[in-house]
Amino acid sequence: MKQNILTALTVLSIAAGPSFAANNAHAHGHDDHGAAPATLQLNAGKKWETDAPLRKAMGDIRQAMANSLHAIHENKLSAKGYGSLAKKVEDAVSAMVANCKLGTQADEQLHIIIADLLAGAEQMAGKTKPVKRMDGAVKVIGALDNYGKYFADPSFQPIAH
């Protein structure tokens, strides 16, 4: 397990792309369950299960994004600010990956959200050209919206934007 966490953190820091990072970083002890589905879907019409580490990590990402939303909307968030925000997203994803205990199908759905979170973080960090850092913030907020729509987390509130 500890080796999986170290591997996940290494992959997160050096991965060539967010999909590669998400698919490899989230391998954390479940049986191999193949590639993540291409689109999010409900669990027979119901939201997917969550666990405490997932709820905390998503809440942390939501709070970081909400705290920066005004500066993002006003186009006043500096490159350093976007970099800091990207790091907060990456750190929360790392914590999520290290502590996730979801069932296989819920985990597969979570891969889709993680891929979007990491892609948004890369964009906010300025690692993908010519994409604007603001577009990365939009991608992260979209991933948060999807989390709220597809995962059962009664304390999670989408960001009004």
N, C-alpha and C. Protein backbone atom coordinates (compact mmCIF):
# COMPACT_ATOMS: atom_id res chain seq x y z
N MET A 1 0.82 -1.19 0.00
CA MET A 1 0.00 0.00 0.00
C MET A 1 0.87 1.26 0.00
N LYS A 2 1.88 1.31 0.88
CA LYS A 2 2.75 2.48 0.94
C LYS A 2 3.47 2.69 -0.39
N GLN A 3 3.89 1.59 -1.02
CA GLN A 3 4.55 1.70 -2.32
C GLN A 3 3.59 2.26 -3.36
N ASN A 4 2.31 1.85 -3.32
CA ASN A 4 1.31 2.37 -4.25
C ASN A 4 1.15 3.88 -4.07
N ILE A 5 1.16 4.34 -2.82
CA ILE A 5 1.02 5.77 -2.56
C ILE A 5 2.23 6.52 -3.12
N LEU A 6 3.42 6.01 -2.85
CA LEU A 6 4.63 6.66 -3.38
C LEU A 6 4.62 6.67 -4.90
N THR A 7 4.21 5.57 -5.49
CA THR A 7 4.11 5.50 -6.95
C THR A 7 3.10 6.52 -7.45
N ALA A 8 1.95 6.61 -6.77
CA ALA A 8 0.92 7.55 -7.19
C ALA A 8 1.42 8.98 -7.13
N LEU A 9 2.10 9.33 -6.06
CA LEU A 9 2.61 10.70 -5.94
C LEU A 9 3.66 11.00 -7.00
N THR A 10 4.51 10.03 -7.29
CA THR A 10 5.51 10.20 -8.34
C THR A 10 4.84 10.41 -9.69
N VAL A 11 3.86 9.58 -9.98
CA VAL A 11 3.15 9.69 -11.26
C VAL A 11 2.47 11.05 -11.36
N LEU A 12 1.86 11.50 -10.26
CA LEU A 12 1.20 12.80 -10.28
C LEU A 12 2.18 13.92 -10.61
N SER A 13 3.38 13.81 -10.10
CA SER A 13 4.32 14.90 -10.29
C SER A 13 5.01 14.90 -11.65
N ILE A 14 5.08 13.74 -12.31
CA ILE A 14 5.83 13.70 -13.56
C ILE A 14 5.01 13.21 -14.76
N ALA A 15 3.75 12.95 -14.56
CA ALA A 15 2.94 12.38 -15.64
C ALA A 15 2.88 13.32 -16.84
N ALA A 16 2.89 12.72 -18.00
CA ALA A 16 2.84 13.50 -19.24
C ALA A 16 1.47 14.11 -19.47
N GLY A 17 0.43 13.51 -18.96
CA GLY A 17 -0.91 14.04 -19.17
C GLY A 17 -1.83 13.64 -18.05
N PRO A 18 -2.94 14.38 -17.87
CA PRO A 18 -3.84 14.14 -16.76
C PRO A 18 -4.53 12.77 -16.82
N SER A 19 -4.87 12.29 -17.99
CA SER A 19 -5.52 10.98 -18.07
C SER A 19 -4.56 9.89 -17.63
N PHE A 20 -3.31 9.97 -18.06
CA PHE A 20 -2.30 9.01 -17.66
C PHE A 20 -2.12 9.05 -16.15
N ALA A 21 -2.04 10.26 -15.61
CA ALA A 21 -1.85 10.41 -14.16
C ALA A 21 -3.04 9.84 -13.40
N ALA A 22 -4.23 10.16 -13.84
CA ALA A 22 -5.41 9.70 -13.12
C ALA A 22 -5.54 8.20 -13.17
N ASN A 23 -5.32 7.60 -14.31
CA ASN A 23 -5.47 6.16 -14.42
C ASN A 23 -4.41 5.43 -13.63
N ASN A 24 -3.19 5.93 -13.58
CA ASN A 24 -2.13 5.27 -12.84
C ASN A 24 -2.13 5.66 -11.37
N ALA A 25 -2.39 6.91 -11.08
CA ALA A 25 -2.33 7.37 -9.71
C ALA A 25 -3.42 6.75 -8.86
N HIS A 26 -4.53 6.42 -9.44
CA HIS A 26 -5.64 5.94 -8.64
C HIS A 26 -5.62 4.42 -8.48
N ALA A 27 -4.58 3.76 -8.92
CA ALA A 27 -4.44 2.33 -8.68
C ALA A 27 -3.96 2.15 -7.26
N HIS A 28 -4.87 1.80 -6.37
CA HIS A 28 -4.52 1.79 -4.97
C HIS A 28 -5.06 0.58 -4.23
N GLY A 29 -4.90 -0.59 -4.81
CA GLY A 29 -5.22 -1.78 -4.08
C GLY A 29 -6.48 -2.49 -4.52
N HIS A 30 -7.28 -1.87 -5.35
CA HIS A 30 -8.45 -2.58 -5.87
C HIS A 30 -7.96 -3.59 -6.90
N ASP A 31 -8.78 -4.60 -7.14
CA ASP A 31 -8.46 -5.50 -8.24
C ASP A 31 -8.45 -4.69 -9.52
N ASP A 32 -7.70 -5.13 -10.49
CA ASP A 32 -7.65 -4.42 -11.76
C ASP A 32 -9.05 -4.42 -12.36
N HIS A 33 -9.59 -3.25 -12.58
CA HIS A 33 -10.95 -3.17 -13.09
C HIS A 33 -11.03 -2.48 -14.43
N GLY A 34 -9.95 -2.47 -15.15
CA GLY A 34 -9.96 -1.98 -16.52
C GLY A 34 -10.02 -0.47 -16.61
N ALA A 35 -10.21 0.01 -17.80
CA ALA A 35 -10.23 1.44 -18.06
C ALA A 35 -11.52 2.05 -17.53
N ALA A 36 -11.44 3.30 -17.14
CA ALA A 36 -12.61 4.02 -16.67
C ALA A 36 -13.58 4.24 -17.82
N PRO A 37 -14.87 4.25 -17.52
CA PRO A 37 -15.84 4.53 -18.57
C PRO A 37 -15.63 5.93 -19.13
N ALA A 38 -16.07 6.13 -20.35
CA ALA A 38 -15.84 7.41 -21.03
C ALA A 38 -16.73 8.51 -20.48
N THR A 39 -17.88 8.18 -19.92
CA THR A 39 -18.79 9.20 -19.42
C THR A 39 -19.29 8.83 -18.03
N LEU A 40 -19.60 9.85 -17.27
CA LEU A 40 -20.15 9.63 -15.94
C LEU A 40 -21.57 9.10 -16.06
N GLN A 41 -21.92 8.23 -15.14
CA GLN A 41 -23.29 7.71 -15.10
C GLN A 41 -23.66 7.44 -13.65
N LEU A 42 -24.95 7.46 -13.39
CA LEU A 42 -25.44 7.16 -12.06
C LEU A 42 -25.42 5.66 -11.82
N ASN A 43 -25.54 5.27 -10.58
CA ASN A 43 -25.57 3.87 -10.16
C ASN A 43 -27.03 3.42 -10.14
N ALA A 44 -27.51 2.92 -11.25
CA ALA A 44 -28.92 2.50 -11.38
C ALA A 44 -29.85 3.63 -10.93
N GLY A 45 -29.55 4.83 -11.37
CA GLY A 45 -30.39 5.99 -11.06
C GLY A 45 -30.07 6.68 -9.75
N LYS A 46 -29.14 6.15 -8.99
CA LYS A 46 -28.77 6.75 -7.71
C LYS A 46 -27.33 7.23 -7.77
N LYS A 47 -27.01 8.14 -6.86
CA LYS A 47 -25.63 8.64 -6.79
C LYS A 47 -24.72 7.56 -6.21
N TRP A 48 -23.45 7.63 -6.59
CA TRP A 48 -22.44 6.67 -6.13
C TRP A 48 -22.07 6.93 -4.68
N GLU A 49 -21.66 5.88 -4.01
CA GLU A 49 -21.20 5.96 -2.62
C GLU A 49 -19.96 6.84 -2.51
N THR A 50 -19.76 7.37 -1.33
CA THR A 50 -18.54 8.11 -1.02
C THR A 50 -18.01 7.59 0.32
N ASP A 51 -16.81 7.98 0.64
CA ASP A 51 -16.27 7.69 1.96
C ASP A 51 -15.72 8.99 2.54
N ALA A 52 -15.37 8.97 3.81
CA ALA A 52 -14.93 10.19 4.49
C ALA A 52 -13.71 10.84 3.82
N PRO A 53 -12.67 10.07 3.43
CA PRO A 53 -11.52 10.73 2.79
C PRO A 53 -11.89 11.41 1.46
N LEU A 54 -12.78 10.80 0.69
CA LEU A 54 -13.21 11.41 -0.57
C LEU A 54 -13.99 12.69 -0.28
N ARG A 55 -14.92 12.63 0.65
CA ARG A 55 -15.72 13.82 0.97
C ARG A 55 -14.83 14.96 1.46
N LYS A 56 -13.84 14.63 2.30
CA LYS A 56 -12.94 15.68 2.80
C LYS A 56 -12.12 16.29 1.66
N ALA A 57 -11.54 15.45 0.82
CA ALA A 57 -10.72 15.96 -0.29
C ALA A 57 -11.54 16.83 -1.23
N MET A 58 -12.74 16.38 -1.58
CA MET A 58 -13.56 17.17 -2.49
C MET A 58 -14.02 18.47 -1.82
N GLY A 59 -14.28 18.41 -0.52
CA GLY A 59 -14.62 19.63 0.21
C GLY A 59 -13.46 20.61 0.25
N ASP A 60 -12.25 20.09 0.41
CA ASP A 60 -11.06 20.94 0.40
C ASP A 60 -10.87 21.62 -0.95
N ILE A 61 -11.06 20.86 -2.03
CA ILE A 61 -10.93 21.44 -3.37
C ILE A 61 -12.01 22.50 -3.59
N ARG A 62 -13.23 22.16 -3.19
CA ARG A 62 -14.35 23.10 -3.35
C ARG A 62 -14.05 24.40 -2.61
N GLN A 63 -13.56 24.30 -1.37
CA GLN A 63 -13.29 25.49 -0.57
C GLN A 63 -12.18 26.33 -1.20
N ALA A 64 -11.13 25.70 -1.66
CA ALA A 64 -10.03 26.43 -2.31
C ALA A 64 -10.53 27.18 -3.55
N MET A 65 -11.35 26.50 -4.34
CA MET A 65 -11.86 27.14 -5.56
C MET A 65 -12.82 28.27 -5.21
N ALA A 66 -13.69 28.05 -4.23
CA ALA A 66 -14.64 29.09 -3.83
C ALA A 66 -13.92 30.32 -3.30
N ASN A 67 -12.84 30.10 -2.55
CA ASN A 67 -12.08 31.23 -2.00
C ASN A 67 -11.40 32.06 -3.08
N SER A 68 -11.14 31.48 -4.23
CA SER A 68 -10.46 32.18 -5.32
C SER A 68 -11.41 32.64 -6.42
N LEU A 69 -12.67 32.29 -6.30
CA LEU A 69 -13.61 32.53 -7.40
C LEU A 69 -13.72 34.00 -7.79
N HIS A 70 -13.79 34.89 -6.82
CA HIS A 70 -13.92 36.31 -7.15
C HIS A 70 -12.72 36.79 -7.96
N ALA A 71 -11.53 36.44 -7.50
CA ALA A 71 -10.31 36.86 -8.22
C ALA A 71 -10.27 36.26 -9.62
N ILE A 72 -10.73 35.01 -9.76
CA ILE A 72 -10.77 34.37 -11.08
C ILE A 72 -11.74 35.11 -11.99
N HIS A 73 -12.95 35.38 -11.49
CA HIS A 73 -13.96 36.08 -12.29
C HIS A 73 -13.51 37.48 -12.69
N GLU A 74 -12.80 38.14 -11.80
CA GLU A 74 -12.32 39.51 -12.07
C GLU A 74 -11.03 39.52 -12.87
N ASN A 75 -10.54 38.34 -13.24
CA ASN A 75 -9.28 38.19 -13.97
C ASN A 75 -8.13 38.83 -13.21
N LYS A 76 -8.15 38.66 -11.87
CA LYS A 76 -7.13 39.26 -11.01
C LYS A 76 -6.29 38.22 -10.29
N LEU A 77 -6.50 36.94 -10.54
CA LEU A 77 -5.69 35.92 -9.89
C LEU A 77 -4.37 35.82 -10.65
N SER A 78 -3.28 36.00 -9.92
CA SER A 78 -1.96 35.98 -10.54
C SER A 78 -1.57 34.57 -10.95
N ALA A 79 -0.51 34.47 -11.75
CA ALA A 79 0.03 33.16 -12.12
C ALA A 79 0.43 32.39 -10.87
N LYS A 80 1.01 33.08 -9.90
CA LYS A 80 1.40 32.45 -8.64
C LYS A 80 0.15 31.95 -7.90
N GLY A 81 -0.91 32.73 -7.92
CA GLY A 81 -2.17 32.33 -7.29
C GLY A 81 -2.76 31.10 -7.94
N TYR A 82 -2.73 31.06 -9.27
CA TYR A 82 -3.21 29.86 -9.98
C TYR A 82 -2.32 28.65 -9.66
N GLY A 83 -1.02 28.89 -9.56
CA GLY A 83 -0.11 27.80 -9.22
C GLY A 83 -0.40 27.24 -7.84
N SER A 84 -0.67 28.12 -6.90
CA SER A 84 -1.00 27.71 -5.54
C SER A 84 -2.32 26.93 -5.52
N LEU A 85 -3.27 27.41 -6.28
CA LEU A 85 -4.57 26.73 -6.38
C LEU A 85 -4.40 25.34 -7.01
N ALA A 86 -3.59 25.25 -8.04
CA ALA A 86 -3.31 23.96 -8.69
C ALA A 86 -2.69 22.99 -7.69
N LYS A 87 -1.76 23.48 -6.88
CA LYS A 87 -1.11 22.63 -5.87
C LYS A 87 -2.11 22.12 -4.85
N LYS A 88 -3.04 22.97 -4.44
CA LYS A 88 -4.08 22.55 -3.49
C LYS A 88 -4.94 21.43 -4.10
N VAL A 89 -5.28 21.56 -5.38
CA VAL A 89 -6.06 20.52 -6.05
C VAL A 89 -5.25 19.23 -6.11
N GLU A 90 -4.00 19.32 -6.52
CA GLU A 90 -3.15 18.12 -6.62
C GLU A 90 -2.96 17.46 -5.27
N ASP A 91 -2.76 18.26 -4.21
CA ASP A 91 -2.58 17.70 -2.86
C ASP A 91 -3.85 16.99 -2.39
N ALA A 92 -5.01 17.58 -2.66
CA ALA A 92 -6.27 16.96 -2.26
C ALA A 92 -6.50 15.66 -3.05
N VAL A 93 -6.16 15.66 -4.33
CA VAL A 93 -6.29 14.44 -5.13
C VAL A 93 -5.35 13.37 -4.58
N SER A 94 -4.14 13.75 -4.22
CA SER A 94 -3.19 12.78 -3.64
C SER A 94 -3.76 12.16 -2.36
N ALA A 95 -4.33 13.00 -1.50
CA ALA A 95 -4.93 12.49 -0.26
C ALA A 95 -6.10 11.56 -0.57
N MET A 96 -6.89 11.93 -1.56
CA MET A 96 -8.03 11.12 -1.98
C MET A 96 -7.55 9.75 -2.45
N VAL A 97 -6.55 9.75 -3.29
CA VAL A 97 -6.00 8.52 -3.85
C VAL A 97 -5.42 7.64 -2.75
N ALA A 98 -4.70 8.24 -1.83
CA ALA A 98 -4.03 7.47 -0.78
C ALA A 98 -5.01 6.82 0.19
N ASN A 99 -6.19 7.39 0.33
CA ASN A 99 -7.11 6.92 1.37
C ASN A 99 -8.44 6.38 0.85
N CYS A 100 -8.60 6.32 -0.45
CA CYS A 100 -9.86 5.91 -1.07
C CYS A 100 -10.20 4.46 -0.75
N LYS A 101 -11.45 4.22 -0.39
CA LYS A 101 -11.92 2.87 -0.09
C LYS A 101 -13.25 2.59 -0.80
N LEU A 102 -13.45 3.15 -1.96
CA LEU A 102 -14.70 2.97 -2.69
C LEU A 102 -14.77 1.59 -3.33
N GLY A 103 -16.00 1.17 -3.61
CA GLY A 103 -16.19 -0.05 -4.38
C GLY A 103 -15.71 0.16 -5.81
N THR A 104 -15.54 -0.94 -6.50
CA THR A 104 -14.95 -0.91 -7.85
C THR A 104 -15.69 0.01 -8.80
N GLN A 105 -17.01 -0.10 -8.89
CA GLN A 105 -17.74 0.71 -9.87
C GLN A 105 -17.72 2.19 -9.51
N ALA A 106 -17.88 2.52 -8.24
CA ALA A 106 -17.81 3.92 -7.83
C ALA A 106 -16.40 4.47 -8.10
N ASP A 107 -15.40 3.64 -7.84
CA ASP A 107 -14.01 4.03 -8.09
C ASP A 107 -13.79 4.33 -9.57
N GLU A 108 -14.35 3.51 -10.44
CA GLU A 108 -14.22 3.74 -11.88
C GLU A 108 -14.83 5.09 -12.27
N GLN A 109 -15.95 5.42 -11.68
CA GLN A 109 -16.58 6.71 -11.97
C GLN A 109 -15.72 7.85 -11.43
N LEU A 110 -15.15 7.65 -10.26
CA LEU A 110 -14.30 8.67 -9.67
C LEU A 110 -13.09 8.96 -10.55
N HIS A 111 -12.59 7.97 -11.27
CA HIS A 111 -11.46 8.18 -12.18
C HIS A 111 -11.75 9.31 -13.16
N ILE A 112 -12.97 9.39 -13.63
CA ILE A 112 -13.35 10.42 -14.60
C ILE A 112 -13.22 11.81 -13.96
N ILE A 113 -13.69 11.93 -12.75
CA ILE A 113 -13.61 13.21 -12.04
C ILE A 113 -12.16 13.57 -11.74
N ILE A 114 -11.38 12.57 -11.31
CA ILE A 114 -9.96 12.82 -11.01
C ILE A 114 -9.23 13.28 -12.27
N ALA A 115 -9.52 12.67 -13.39
CA ALA A 115 -8.87 13.09 -14.64
C ALA A 115 -9.16 14.56 -14.93
N ASP A 116 -10.39 14.99 -14.72
CA ASP A 116 -10.74 16.39 -14.96
C ASP A 116 -10.08 17.31 -13.93
N LEU A 117 -10.04 16.87 -12.67
CA LEU A 117 -9.38 17.68 -11.64
C LEU A 117 -7.90 17.88 -11.97
N LEU A 118 -7.24 16.80 -12.37
CA LEU A 118 -5.81 16.89 -12.68
C LEU A 118 -5.56 17.68 -13.97
N ALA A 119 -6.42 17.54 -14.94
CA ALA A 119 -6.28 18.32 -16.18
C ALA A 119 -6.44 19.81 -15.86
N GLY A 120 -7.43 20.14 -15.04
CA GLY A 120 -7.62 21.52 -14.65
C GLY A 120 -6.44 22.06 -13.86
N ALA A 121 -5.90 21.24 -12.96
CA ALA A 121 -4.74 21.66 -12.17
C ALA A 121 -3.54 21.92 -13.08
N GLU A 122 -3.33 21.06 -14.06
CA GLU A 122 -2.22 21.27 -15.01
C GLU A 122 -2.39 22.59 -15.75
N GLN A 123 -3.62 22.88 -16.17
CA GLN A 123 -3.87 24.13 -16.88
C GLN A 123 -3.66 25.33 -15.97
N MET A 124 -4.14 25.23 -14.72
CA MET A 124 -3.96 26.35 -13.79
C MET A 124 -2.48 26.57 -13.48
N ALA A 125 -1.71 25.50 -13.46
CA ALA A 125 -0.27 25.61 -13.18
C ALA A 125 0.51 26.12 -14.38
N GLY A 126 -0.15 26.28 -15.52
CA GLY A 126 0.52 26.78 -16.72
C GLY A 126 1.30 25.73 -17.46
N LYS A 127 0.99 24.46 -17.22
CA LYS A 127 1.74 23.36 -17.84
C LYS A 127 1.22 23.00 -19.23
N THR A 128 0.09 23.51 -19.61
CA THR A 128 -0.48 23.20 -20.93
C THR A 128 -0.64 24.50 -21.71
N LYS A 129 0.08 24.61 -22.76
CA LYS A 129 0.02 25.80 -23.62
C LYS A 129 -0.79 25.45 -24.85
N PRO A 130 -1.52 26.32 -25.42
CA PRO A 130 -1.76 27.72 -25.11
C PRO A 130 -3.00 27.93 -24.24
N VAL A 131 -3.42 26.94 -23.48
CA VAL A 131 -4.62 27.04 -22.65
C VAL A 131 -4.42 28.08 -21.55
N LYS A 132 -5.45 28.89 -21.32
CA LYS A 132 -5.40 29.90 -20.27
C LYS A 132 -5.57 29.23 -18.91
N ARG A 133 -4.92 29.79 -17.92
CA ARG A 133 -5.03 29.27 -16.56
C ARG A 133 -6.48 29.30 -16.08
N MET A 134 -7.21 30.33 -16.47
CA MET A 134 -8.62 30.44 -16.09
C MET A 134 -9.41 29.23 -16.60
N ASP A 135 -9.07 28.73 -17.78
CA ASP A 135 -9.75 27.56 -18.32
C ASP A 135 -9.56 26.33 -17.42
N GLY A 136 -8.41 26.25 -16.78
CA GLY A 136 -8.17 25.17 -15.83
C GLY A 136 -9.10 25.28 -14.63
N ALA A 137 -9.29 26.50 -14.15
CA ALA A 137 -10.22 26.72 -13.03
C ALA A 137 -11.63 26.31 -13.43
N VAL A 138 -12.03 26.65 -14.63
CA VAL A 138 -13.35 26.26 -15.13
C VAL A 138 -13.47 24.74 -15.18
N LYS A 139 -12.42 24.06 -15.60
CA LYS A 139 -12.42 22.60 -15.68
C LYS A 139 -12.56 21.99 -14.28
N VAL A 140 -11.84 22.53 -13.30
CA VAL A 140 -11.93 22.02 -11.93
C VAL A 140 -13.33 22.23 -11.38
N ILE A 141 -13.89 23.41 -11.61
CA ILE A 141 -15.25 23.68 -11.13
C ILE A 141 -16.25 22.75 -11.81
N GLY A 142 -16.04 22.45 -13.08
CA GLY A 142 -16.90 21.49 -13.77
C GLY A 142 -16.80 20.10 -13.14
N ALA A 143 -15.59 19.70 -12.76
CA ALA A 143 -15.39 18.40 -12.10
C ALA A 143 -16.10 18.39 -10.75
N LEU A 144 -16.03 19.50 -10.02
CA LEU A 144 -16.74 19.60 -8.75
C LEU A 144 -18.25 19.50 -8.95
N ASP A 145 -18.76 20.17 -9.98
CA ASP A 145 -20.19 20.08 -10.30
C ASP A 145 -20.58 18.63 -10.58
N ASN A 146 -19.76 17.94 -11.35
CA ASN A 146 -20.05 16.54 -11.65
C ASN A 146 -20.00 15.66 -10.41
N TYR A 147 -19.05 15.93 -9.53
CA TYR A 147 -18.99 15.19 -8.27
C TYR A 147 -20.32 15.33 -7.53
N GLY A 148 -20.82 16.53 -7.42
CA GLY A 148 -22.09 16.77 -6.73
C GLY A 148 -23.27 16.08 -7.40
N LYS A 149 -23.24 15.97 -8.71
CA LYS A 149 -24.34 15.34 -9.46
C LYS A 149 -24.30 13.82 -9.39
N TYR A 150 -23.11 13.25 -9.29
CA TYR A 150 -22.97 11.80 -9.43
C TYR A 150 -22.55 11.06 -8.15
N PHE A 151 -22.15 11.78 -7.11
CA PHE A 151 -21.70 11.14 -5.88
C PHE A 151 -22.52 11.63 -4.69
N ALA A 152 -22.88 10.69 -3.82
CA ALA A 152 -23.69 10.97 -2.65
C ALA A 152 -22.82 11.58 -1.55
N ASP A 153 -22.90 12.89 -1.43
CA ASP A 153 -22.16 13.62 -0.41
C ASP A 153 -23.09 14.72 0.09
N PRO A 154 -23.87 14.42 1.14
CA PRO A 154 -24.89 15.36 1.59
C PRO A 154 -24.35 16.72 2.04
N SER A 155 -23.09 16.79 2.43
CA SER A 155 -22.54 18.06 2.89
C SER A 155 -21.97 18.90 1.74
N PHE A 156 -21.85 18.33 0.55
CA PHE A 156 -21.22 19.04 -0.57
C PHE A 156 -22.22 20.00 -1.22
N GLN A 157 -21.78 21.23 -1.38
CA GLN A 157 -22.58 22.25 -2.06
C GLN A 157 -21.85 22.71 -3.31
N PRO A 158 -22.49 22.62 -4.48
CA PRO A 158 -21.82 23.11 -5.70
C PRO A 158 -21.47 24.60 -5.55
N ILE A 159 -20.48 25.01 -6.30
CA ILE A 159 -20.07 26.42 -6.28
C ILE A 159 -20.99 27.19 -7.20
N ALA A 160 -21.63 28.22 -6.67
CA ALA A 160 -22.46 29.10 -7.51
C ALA A 160 -21.51 29.98 -8.30
N HIS A 161 -21.63 29.92 -9.61
CA HIS A 161 -20.72 30.72 -10.46
C HIS A 161 -21.45 31.27 -11.65
